[in-house]
Amino acid sequence: MTAIVDCPVCGRKTEFSPANVWRPFCSERCKLIDLGQWASDGYVIPGDAPDPEDPAGTPPPAPPPTRRD
């Protein structure tokens, strides 16, 4: 059984199967529009803004282990 889904860009009904090389999109055009949205920050994953002082985003060092005598 083949699933029919809405194209995430234009909403047109499209087949979600290996026969549709653009799945989940209906066409190459919609696929490229979606890629352009990601590339231009049109979509944003929520989270904290990166620290400009630490561009690598490295975590702080772990505290030294405590001694148990």
C-alpha atoms as a PDB file:
ATOM      1  CA  MET A   1       0.000   0.000   0.000  1.00  0.00           C
ATOM      2  CA  THR A   2       1.319   3.417  -0.980  1.00  0.00           C
ATOM      3  CA  ALA A   3       0.884   6.364   1.364  1.00  0.00           C
ATOM      4  CA  ILE A   4      -0.391   9.653  -0.009  1.00  0.00           C
ATOM      5  CA  VAL A   5       0.955  12.693   1.865  1.00  0.00           C
ATOM      6  CA  ASP A   6       0.751  16.462   1.525  1.00  0.00           C
ATOM      7  CA  CYS A   7       3.861  18.107   0.088  1.00  0.00           C
ATOM      8  CA  PRO A   8       5.398  20.096   2.983  1.00  0.00           C
ATOM      9  CA  VAL A   9       5.928  23.127   0.733  1.00  0.00           C
ATOM     10  CA  CYS A  10       2.872  23.471  -1.500  1.00  0.00           C
ATOM     11  CA  GLY A  11       0.402  21.051   0.084  1.00  0.00           C
ATOM     12  CA  ARG A  12      -0.250  19.094  -3.109  1.00  0.00           C
ATOM     13  CA  LYS A  13      -1.049  15.400  -2.580  1.00  0.00           C
ATOM     14  CA  THR A  14       1.946  13.240  -3.471  1.00  0.00           C
ATOM     15  CA  GLU A  15       2.917   9.595  -3.270  1.00  0.00           C
ATOM     16  CA  PHE A  16       5.327   8.684  -0.476  1.00  0.00           C
ATOM     17  CA  SER A  17       7.099   5.715  -2.029  1.00  0.00           C
ATOM     18  CA  PRO A  18      10.418   4.861  -3.702  1.00  0.00           C
ATOM     19  CA  ALA A  19       8.726   5.679  -7.027  1.00  0.00           C
ATOM     20  CA  ASN A  20       8.671   9.381  -6.005  1.00  0.00           C
ATOM     21  CA  VAL A  21      12.327  10.444  -6.140  1.00  0.00           C
ATOM     22  CA  TRP A  22      11.495  13.799  -4.466  1.00  0.00           C
ATOM     23  CA  ARG A  23       9.612  12.358  -1.475  1.00  0.00           C
ATOM     24  CA  PRO A  24       8.278  13.784   0.768  1.00  0.00           C
ATOM     25  CA  PHE A  25       8.052  16.647  -1.741  1.00  0.00           C
ATOM     26  CA  CYS A  26       5.977  16.586  -4.914  1.00  0.00           C
ATOM     27  CA  SER A  27       8.718  17.942  -7.188  1.00  0.00           C
ATOM     28  CA  GLU A  28      12.313  19.070  -7.440  1.00  0.00           C
ATOM     29  CA  ARG A  29      11.074  22.666  -7.238  1.00  0.00           C
ATOM     30  CA  CYS A  30       9.482  22.130  -3.815  1.00  0.00           C
ATOM     31  CA  LYS A  31      12.551  20.246  -2.604  1.00  0.00           C
ATOM     32  CA  LEU A  32      14.794  23.167  -3.607  1.00  0.00           C
ATOM     33  CA  ILE A  33      12.464  25.730  -2.035  1.00  0.00           C
ATOM     34  CA  ASP A  34      12.679  23.815   1.249  1.00  0.00           C
ATOM     35  CA  LEU A  35      16.476  23.554   0.993  1.00  0.00           C
ATOM     36  CA  GLY A  36      16.651  27.310   0.384  1.00  0.00           C
ATOM     37  CA  GLN A  37      14.572  27.942   3.507  1.00  0.00           C
ATOM     38  CA  TRP A  38      17.055  25.960   5.619  1.00  0.00           C
ATOM     39  CA  ALA A  39      20.063  27.635   3.959  1.00  0.00           C
ATOM     40  CA  SER A  40      18.711  31.142   4.562  1.00  0.00           C
ATOM     41  CA  ASP A  41      17.692  30.455   8.185  1.00  0.00           C
ATOM     42  CA  GLY A  42      14.024  30.457   7.269  1.00  0.00           C
ATOM     43  CA  TYR A  43      13.645  27.476   9.586  1.00  0.00           C
ATOM     44  CA  VAL A  44      15.228  27.656  13.009  1.00  0.00           C
ATOM     45  CA  ILE A  45      15.608  24.902  15.567  1.00  0.00           C
ATOM     46  CA  PRO A  46      14.906  26.432  18.986  1.00  0.00           C
ATOM     47  CA  GLY A  47      17.738  26.587  21.457  1.00  0.00           C
ATOM     48  CA  ASP A  48      20.151  28.877  23.213  1.00  0.00           C
ATOM     49  CA  ALA A  49      22.189  31.231  21.067  1.00  0.00           C
ATOM     50  CA  PRO A  50      25.849  30.241  20.765  1.00  0.00           C
ATOM     51  CA  ASP A  51      28.347  32.026  23.003  1.00  0.00           C
ATOM     52  CA  PRO A  52      30.385  34.435  20.824  1.00  0.00           C
ATOM     53  CA  GLU A  53      33.337  34.007  23.224  1.00  0.00           C
ATOM     54  CA  ASP A  54      33.358  30.234  22.635  1.00  0.00           C
ATOM     55  CA  PRO A  55      32.717  29.613  18.933  1.00  0.00           C
ATOM     56  CA  ALA A  56      33.552  25.904  19.253  1.00  0.00           C
ATOM     57  CA  GLY A  57      30.841  25.466  21.874  1.00  0.00           C
ATOM     58  CA  THR A  58      33.087  23.422  24.117  1.00  0.00           C
ATOM     59  CA  PRO A  59      31.713  22.531  27.531  1.00  0.00           C
ATOM     60  CA  PRO A  60      33.522  23.747  30.657  1.00  0.00           C
ATOM     61  CA  PRO A  61      36.118  21.363  32.076  1.00  0.00           C
ATOM     62  CA  ALA A  62      34.942  18.764  34.561  1.00  0.00           C
ATOM     63  CA  PRO A  63      35.794  19.417  38.198  1.00  0.00           C
ATOM     64  CA  PRO A  64      38.722  17.407  39.571  1.00  0.00           C
ATOM     65  CA  PRO A  65      37.793  14.141  41.282  1.00  0.00           C
ATOM     66  CA  THR A  66      37.462  14.233  45.039  1.00  0.00           C
ATOM     67  CA  ARG A  67      39.819  12.164  47.130  1.00  0.00           C
ATOM     68  CA  ARG A  68      38.464   9.643  49.554  1.00  0.00           C
ATOM     69  CA  ASP A  69      41.081   8.770  52.178  1.00  0.00           C
END
